[in-house]
Amino acid sequence: MNPNWPDSNTFWRDKRVVVTGGSGFLGSFVVDKLRARGAAEVIIPRRQDYDLRDIAAIRRLFADMANVQAPIANCQHYVIHLAAHVGGIGANRARPAEFFYDNLMMGVPLMHEAWAAGADKFIAIGTVCAYPKFTPTPFREDDLWIGYPEETNAPYGLAKKMMLVQSQTYRQQYGWNSIFLLPVNLYGPRDNFDLETSHVIPALIRKCLEAQARGDQEIVAWGDGSPTREFLYVEDAAEGILLAAERYDQSDPINIGSAFEISIKELTETIARLTGFEGKIVWDTSRPNGQPRRKLDVSRARERFGFESQTRFEDGLRQTIAWYLNTPSCAASLA
């Protein structure tokens, strides 16, 4: 613990924090932690009130904030930008233009208007999809520009990556405090389990549970199982974001990960075992594998703001499965 780092339990008491995407998967955990840390005010802009793809709505958001009396004197204004149009490989392949436009227009104008409104700090959340397809492993932040991202999610990754350029240029020209974080693939309770748009872990959990309920003898998984992925439990990710907000004040990109790498084949077998599915796993090699490997170098986060993941992977999977089993949507799908 660096003695120069602020105390998390007092840091947020004079902060008004806008959390875009604060009602979403990751955002809901960030909001929970902000409130537990005693943040002066947490503001969650709802899409029906502020469509962040519309610059007029962004300007209205900051104008509305300025017109509300701060709960205590001398509040600082922070923006944590988590809102994103996200999905798995299938969704990214089907709607690449939407993933590019929506994420670019939610990010770049929001950061600009936050600067124009005098926000004290902007925390931009990027994506591991910004890395080149054949990045040497473990992925180091200095390798972000050595090639083009994996094609199936490049539009999304590049749209998010523009906030890194923006953060660096606004710091250079205006001396403005913004940071850019690169979380690896997340999983955990409150995730999206819609098979059309979900990521790999919730999709596999649901497939295994439904196959078991129906008595199916097999499930179908995409690709050949050879790619590797790193996964980070969502509560750990939320903690990493807040530690960065508290302790880190540079625009060098920072990986947020677990440093735990697992193949899609082993992941699928592990989820089958934890859900009780004992049938066969059939690999549909006509479907894309995605990026061959993903494993982050997480040393920069540890050194610069003391973040290390705490949740063992299988423990996190068990908690995710247990949460999903208690949802109405799971009950309906297994009926």
Protein backbone atom coordinates (compact mmCIF):
# COMPACT_ATOMS: atom_id res chain seq x y z
CA MET A 1 0.00 0.00 0.00
CA ASN A 2 1.49 3.32 -1.09
CA PRO A 3 1.24 5.84 1.78
CA ASN A 4 0.57 8.58 -0.76
CA TRP A 5 -2.62 6.93 -2.01
CA PRO A 6 -5.87 8.39 -0.64
CA ASP A 7 -8.17 6.51 1.69
CA SER A 8 -11.00 4.94 -0.32
CA ASN A 9 -13.45 5.46 2.54
CA THR A 10 -12.99 9.23 2.58
CA PHE A 11 -11.99 10.03 -1.00
CA TRP A 12 -15.51 10.10 -2.43
CA ARG A 13 -17.20 12.20 0.24
CA ASP A 14 -16.75 15.41 -1.75
CA LYS A 15 -17.37 13.88 -5.19
CA ARG A 16 -20.46 14.12 -7.41
CA VAL A 17 -20.11 11.19 -9.81
CA VAL A 18 -21.91 10.68 -13.10
CA VAL A 19 -21.89 6.97 -13.97
CA THR A 20 -23.09 6.37 -17.52
CA GLY A 21 -24.36 2.82 -17.87
CA GLY A 22 -24.81 2.82 -14.09
CA SER A 23 -27.83 0.53 -14.26
CA GLY A 24 -26.03 -2.02 -16.44
CA PHE A 25 -23.95 -5.09 -15.65
CA LEU A 26 -20.63 -3.54 -14.62
CA GLY A 27 -22.15 -0.15 -13.84
CA SER A 28 -24.46 -1.47 -11.15
CA PHE A 29 -21.48 -2.82 -9.20
CA VAL A 30 -19.56 0.43 -9.61
CA VAL A 31 -22.57 2.34 -8.28
CA ASP A 32 -22.91 -0.05 -5.33
CA LYS A 33 -19.25 0.47 -4.42
CA LEU A 34 -19.47 4.26 -4.81
CA ARG A 35 -22.40 4.36 -2.41
CA ALA A 36 -20.63 2.05 0.03
CA ARG A 37 -17.62 4.39 -0.07
CA GLY A 38 -19.85 7.35 0.82
CA ALA A 39 -19.85 9.29 -2.47
CA ALA A 40 -21.53 12.67 -2.02
CA GLU A 41 -23.85 12.03 -4.98
CA VAL A 42 -24.10 9.34 -7.66
CA ILE A 43 -25.96 10.34 -10.82
CA ILE A 44 -27.12 7.65 -13.25
CA PRO A 45 -28.37 9.15 -16.53
CA ARG A 46 -31.15 6.99 -17.96
CA ARG A 47 -31.33 6.41 -21.69
CA GLN A 48 -34.96 7.54 -21.88
CA ASP A 49 -33.87 10.89 -20.45
CA TYR A 50 -30.41 11.29 -22.02
CA ASP A 51 -29.58 9.37 -25.20
CA LEU A 52 -25.80 9.68 -25.10
CA ARG A 53 -25.54 9.26 -28.87
CA ASP A 54 -27.15 12.71 -29.15
CA ILE A 55 -24.82 15.60 -28.33
CA ALA A 56 -27.77 17.80 -27.42
CA ALA A 57 -28.77 15.26 -24.77
CA ILE A 58 -25.20 15.19 -23.43
CA ARG A 59 -25.16 18.98 -23.13
CA ARG A 60 -28.52 18.89 -21.40
CA LEU A 61 -27.16 16.32 -18.92
CA PHE A 62 -24.31 18.59 -17.86
CA ALA A 63 -26.57 21.63 -17.82
CA ASP A 64 -29.01 19.81 -15.57
CA MET A 65 -26.16 18.86 -13.26
CA ALA A 66 -25.00 22.47 -13.05
CA ASN A 67 -28.51 23.61 -12.11
CA VAL A 68 -28.79 21.17 -9.19
CA GLN A 69 -27.48 22.35 -5.85
CA ALA A 70 -24.49 20.23 -4.78
CA PRO A 71 -25.14 18.36 -1.51
CA ILE A 72 -21.99 19.81 0.08
CA ALA A 73 -19.73 22.75 -0.69
CA ASN A 74 -16.75 22.42 -3.02
CA CYS A 75 -17.83 19.13 -4.60
CA GLN A 76 -15.63 17.80 -7.35
CA HIS A 77 -17.31 16.39 -10.46
CA TYR A 78 -16.21 13.00 -11.79
CA VAL A 79 -17.52 11.14 -14.85
CA ILE A 80 -17.18 7.35 -15.11
CA HIS A 81 -18.16 6.36 -18.64
CA LEU A 82 -19.36 2.74 -18.69
CA ALA A 83 -22.26 3.00 -21.15
CA ALA A 84 -21.61 0.91 -24.25
CA HIS A 85 -23.33 -1.04 -27.00
CA VAL A 86 -21.87 -4.50 -26.40
CA GLY A 87 -22.43 -8.10 -27.47
CA GLY A 88 -20.76 -11.35 -28.37
CA ILE A 89 -19.14 -12.36 -31.65
CA GLY A 90 -22.49 -13.04 -33.32
CA ALA A 91 -23.93 -9.63 -32.48
CA ASN A 92 -20.72 -7.86 -33.54
CA ARG A 93 -20.71 -9.65 -36.89
CA ALA A 94 -24.39 -8.93 -37.53
CA ARG A 95 -24.34 -5.21 -36.63
CA PRO A 96 -20.78 -3.84 -36.97
CA ALA A 97 -21.93 -0.37 -38.06
CA GLU A 98 -24.12 0.01 -34.97
CA PHE A 99 -21.32 -1.11 -32.66
CA PHE A 100 -18.96 1.42 -34.25
CA TYR A 101 -21.30 4.40 -34.43
CA ASP A 102 -23.06 4.00 -31.09
CA ASN A 103 -19.87 3.53 -29.08
CA LEU A 104 -17.98 6.31 -30.86
CA MET A 105 -20.85 8.77 -30.43
CA MET A 106 -21.40 7.84 -26.78
CA GLY A 107 -17.71 8.27 -25.97
CA VAL A 108 -16.02 11.11 -27.85
CA PRO A 109 -18.71 13.81 -27.50
CA LEU A 110 -19.29 12.86 -23.85
CA MET A 111 -15.63 13.33 -23.00
CA HIS A 112 -15.51 16.64 -24.86
CA GLU A 113 -18.62 17.99 -23.16
CA ALA A 114 -17.36 16.84 -19.76
CA TRP A 115 -14.20 18.87 -20.38
CA ALA A 116 -16.24 21.86 -21.58
CA ALA A 117 -18.44 21.64 -18.48
CA GLY A 118 -15.41 21.71 -16.19
CA ALA A 119 -15.52 18.14 -14.89
CA ASP A 120 -12.56 17.42 -12.61
CA LYS A 121 -11.86 13.93 -13.91
CA PHE A 122 -13.08 11.57 -16.62
CA ILE A 123 -12.67 7.80 -16.31
CA ALA A 124 -13.00 6.22 -19.77
CA ILE A 125 -13.62 2.48 -19.98
CA GLY A 126 -12.21 0.88 -23.09
CA THR A 127 -12.10 -2.79 -24.06
CA VAL A 128 -9.63 -5.61 -24.60
CA CYS A 129 -11.08 -5.74 -28.14
CA ALA A 130 -8.95 -2.66 -28.90
CA TYR A 131 -5.82 -4.81 -28.98
CA PRO A 132 -4.40 -6.04 -32.32
CA LYS A 133 -5.44 -9.51 -33.42
CA PHE A 134 -1.95 -10.95 -33.02
CA THR A 135 -0.72 -9.07 -29.98
CA PRO A 136 2.15 -10.89 -28.22
CA THR A 137 0.97 -12.41 -24.94
CA PRO A 138 0.64 -11.26 -22.31
CA PHE A 139 -0.90 -8.13 -23.84
CA ARG A 140 1.11 -5.07 -22.80
CA GLU A 141 -0.36 -1.60 -23.07
CA ASP A 142 2.57 -0.44 -25.22
CA ASP A 143 1.47 -2.89 -27.95
CA LEU A 144 -1.95 -1.34 -28.52
CA TRP A 145 -0.92 0.18 -31.87
CA ILE A 146 1.12 -2.62 -33.48
CA GLY A 147 -1.71 -3.93 -35.67
CA TYR A 148 -5.41 -4.08 -36.51
CA PRO A 149 -7.91 -5.62 -34.03
CA GLU A 150 -9.54 -9.01 -34.58
CA GLU A 151 -12.01 -8.50 -37.41
CA THR A 152 -15.20 -9.72 -35.72
CA ASN A 153 -15.12 -6.97 -33.10
CA ALA A 154 -12.76 -4.38 -34.60
CA PRO A 155 -15.46 -1.70 -35.11
CA TYR A 156 -16.37 -1.84 -31.42
CA GLY A 157 -12.75 -1.96 -30.29
CA LEU A 158 -11.65 0.94 -32.48
CA ALA A 159 -14.58 3.13 -31.43
CA LYS A 160 -13.62 2.65 -27.80
CA LYS A 161 -9.92 3.15 -28.56
CA MET A 162 -10.56 6.68 -29.80
CA MET A 163 -11.18 7.72 -26.19
CA LEU A 164 -7.55 6.86 -25.46
CA VAL A 165 -6.40 9.24 -28.19
CA GLN A 166 -8.83 11.85 -26.89
CA SER A 167 -7.69 11.45 -23.29
CA GLN A 168 -4.06 11.89 -24.27
CA THR A 169 -4.64 14.89 -26.52
CA TYR A 170 -6.90 16.71 -24.05
CA ARG A 171 -4.30 16.23 -21.34
CA GLN A 172 -1.57 17.48 -23.69
CA GLN A 173 -3.45 20.55 -24.92
CA TYR A 174 -5.69 21.44 -21.97
CA GLY A 175 -3.98 19.77 -18.99
CA TRP A 176 -7.25 17.96 -18.30
CA ASN A 177 -7.35 14.91 -16.05
CA SER A 178 -8.75 11.84 -17.79
CA ILE A 179 -7.72 8.18 -17.68
CA PHE A 180 -8.32 5.19 -19.96
CA LEU A 181 -8.79 1.65 -18.65
CA LEU A 182 -8.85 -1.61 -20.61
CA PRO A 183 -10.90 -4.30 -18.84
CA VAL A 184 -10.61 -7.86 -20.04
CA ASN A 185 -13.73 -10.02 -20.62
CA LEU A 186 -16.04 -9.73 -17.60
CA TYR A 187 -18.43 -12.24 -16.05
CA GLY A 188 -20.55 -12.53 -12.94
CA PRO A 189 -24.02 -11.99 -11.49
CA ARG A 190 -26.35 -9.55 -13.33
CA ASP A 191 -24.77 -10.41 -16.70
CA ASN A 192 -26.78 -10.61 -19.91
CA PHE A 193 -28.00 -14.18 -20.55
CA ASP A 194 -29.80 -13.48 -23.86
CA LEU A 195 -28.37 -16.06 -26.28
CA GLU A 196 -28.60 -13.60 -29.18
CA THR A 197 -26.42 -10.92 -27.59
CA SER A 198 -24.60 -12.46 -24.61
CA HIS A 199 -20.90 -13.15 -24.21
CA VAL A 200 -19.43 -16.62 -23.97
CA ILE A 201 -19.78 -17.42 -20.25
CA PRO A 202 -23.48 -16.59 -19.79
CA ALA A 203 -24.25 -18.19 -23.15
CA LEU A 204 -22.57 -21.45 -22.14
CA ILE A 205 -24.18 -21.46 -18.70
CA ARG A 206 -27.61 -21.07 -20.22
CA LYS A 207 -26.98 -23.65 -22.95
CA CYS A 208 -25.82 -26.24 -20.41
CA LEU A 209 -28.68 -25.64 -17.98
CA GLU A 210 -31.35 -25.76 -20.69
CA ALA A 211 -29.83 -28.87 -22.30
CA GLN A 212 -29.78 -30.58 -18.93
CA ALA A 213 -33.41 -29.61 -18.25
CA ARG A 214 -34.51 -30.97 -21.63
CA GLY A 215 -32.44 -34.13 -21.34
CA ASP A 216 -30.40 -33.27 -24.45
CA GLN A 217 -27.38 -35.44 -25.15
CA GLU A 218 -25.22 -32.64 -26.56
CA ILE A 219 -24.67 -28.90 -26.81
CA VAL A 220 -23.12 -26.99 -29.69
CA ALA A 221 -20.26 -24.55 -29.04
CA TRP A 222 -18.76 -22.09 -31.52
CA GLY A 223 -15.37 -22.59 -33.17
CA ASP A 224 -12.94 -25.35 -32.29
CA GLY A 225 -12.27 -24.53 -28.64
CA SER A 226 -8.62 -23.61 -29.16
CA PRO A 227 -8.68 -19.84 -28.47
CA THR A 228 -7.78 -18.71 -24.98
CA ARG A 229 -9.41 -15.99 -22.93
CA GLU A 230 -8.84 -14.16 -19.69
CA PHE A 231 -11.87 -13.39 -17.54
CA LEU A 232 -12.35 -10.97 -14.65
CA TYR A 233 -15.11 -11.19 -12.07
CA VAL A 234 -17.34 -8.14 -12.32
CA GLU A 235 -16.96 -7.04 -8.68
CA ASP A 236 -13.18 -7.14 -9.07
CA ALA A 237 -13.48 -5.01 -12.21
CA ALA A 238 -15.61 -2.45 -10.36
CA GLU A 239 -13.00 -2.27 -7.60
CA GLY A 240 -10.22 -1.78 -10.14
CA ILE A 241 -12.08 1.09 -11.78
CA LEU A 242 -12.60 2.90 -8.48
CA LEU A 243 -9.00 2.40 -7.36
CA ALA A 244 -7.86 3.90 -10.67
CA ALA A 245 -10.24 6.83 -10.22
CA GLU A 246 -8.87 7.43 -6.74
CA ARG A 247 -5.16 6.92 -7.34
CA TYR A 248 -4.25 7.25 -11.03
CA ASP A 249 -3.89 10.58 -12.85
CA GLN A 250 -2.16 9.88 -16.17
CA SER A 251 -3.39 9.09 -19.68
CA ASP A 252 -1.26 6.00 -20.29
CA PRO A 253 -3.70 3.12 -20.89
CA ILE A 254 -4.03 0.58 -18.09
CA ASN A 255 -5.09 -3.08 -18.33
CA ILE A 256 -7.63 -4.33 -15.79
CA GLY A 257 -7.53 -8.11 -15.63
CA SER A 258 -6.96 -11.28 -13.64
CA ALA A 259 -3.88 -12.69 -15.47
CA PHE A 260 -5.72 -16.06 -15.58
CA GLU A 261 -5.86 -17.62 -19.06
CA ILE A 262 -8.12 -20.51 -20.04
CA SER A 263 -8.97 -22.13 -23.39
CA ILE A 264 -12.55 -21.99 -24.64
CA LYS A 265 -12.52 -25.80 -24.63
CA GLU A 266 -11.54 -25.97 -20.95
CA LEU A 267 -13.97 -23.19 -20.13
CA THR A 268 -16.84 -25.07 -21.77
CA GLU A 269 -15.95 -28.29 -19.98
CA THR A 270 -15.72 -26.45 -16.65
CA ILE A 271 -19.13 -24.82 -17.08
CA ALA A 272 -20.65 -28.16 -18.09
CA ARG A 273 -19.25 -29.73 -14.93
CA LEU A 274 -20.42 -26.91 -12.64
CA THR A 275 -23.94 -26.90 -14.13
CA GLY A 276 -24.23 -30.70 -14.03
CA PHE A 277 -24.47 -31.19 -17.81
CA GLU A 278 -22.93 -34.57 -18.68
CA GLY A 279 -23.64 -34.70 -22.43
CA LYS A 280 -21.35 -34.26 -25.40
CA ILE A 281 -19.88 -30.93 -26.52
CA VAL A 282 -20.02 -30.55 -30.31
CA TRP A 283 -17.74 -27.91 -31.85
CA ASP A 284 -19.22 -26.00 -34.80
CA THR A 285 -16.09 -25.07 -36.72
CA SER A 286 -18.10 -23.12 -39.28
CA ARG A 287 -18.43 -20.46 -36.57
CA PRO A 288 -15.56 -18.03 -35.91
CA ASN A 289 -13.04 -18.56 -33.15
CA GLY A 290 -12.36 -14.86 -32.61
CA GLN A 291 -8.97 -13.65 -31.41
CA PRO A 292 -6.54 -16.58 -30.95
CA ARG A 293 -5.31 -15.60 -27.46
CA ARG A 294 -6.15 -13.05 -24.79
CA LYS A 295 -4.05 -12.67 -21.68
CA LEU A 296 -3.16 -9.32 -20.16
CA ASP A 297 -0.05 -8.04 -18.49
CA VAL A 298 -1.60 -6.55 -15.35
CA SER A 299 1.60 -5.24 -13.76
CA ARG A 300 0.89 -1.59 -14.59
CA ALA A 301 -2.40 -1.61 -12.65
CA ARG A 302 -0.70 -3.23 -9.67
CA GLU A 303 2.18 -0.76 -9.69
CA ARG A 304 0.28 2.45 -10.36
CA PHE A 305 -2.83 2.01 -8.23
CA GLY A 306 -2.50 -1.27 -6.37
CA PHE A 307 -5.18 -3.32 -8.13
CA GLU A 308 -5.12 -7.13 -8.14
CA SER A 309 -8.09 -9.40 -8.76
CA GLN A 310 -9.34 -11.33 -5.73
CA THR A 311 -11.91 -13.84 -7.02
CA ARG A 312 -10.83 -17.35 -8.05
CA PHE A 313 -12.28 -18.23 -11.44
CA GLU A 314 -14.30 -21.28 -10.41
CA ASP A 315 -15.63 -19.44 -7.36
CA GLY A 316 -16.83 -16.64 -9.62
CA LEU A 317 -18.44 -19.13 -12.00
CA ARG A 318 -20.30 -20.79 -9.14
CA GLN A 319 -21.60 -17.44 -7.93
CA THR A 320 -22.68 -16.53 -11.46
CA ILE A 321 -24.53 -19.82 -11.96
CA ALA A 322 -26.20 -19.53 -8.55
CA TRP A 323 -27.36 -15.99 -9.32
CA TYR A 324 -28.78 -16.95 -12.72
CA LEU A 325 -30.62 -19.98 -11.30
CA ASN A 326 -32.54 -17.60 -9.02
CA THR A 327 -33.72 -15.27 -11.82
CA PRO A 328 -37.25 -15.36 -13.30
CA SER A 329 -35.81 -15.58 -16.81
CA CYS A 330 -33.92 -18.76 -15.90
CA ALA A 331 -37.02 -20.29 -14.35
CA ALA A 332 -38.97 -19.52 -17.53
CA SER A 333 -36.30 -20.98 -19.82
CA LEU A 334 -36.07 -24.19 -17.81
CA ALA A 335 -39.82 -24.69 -17.44
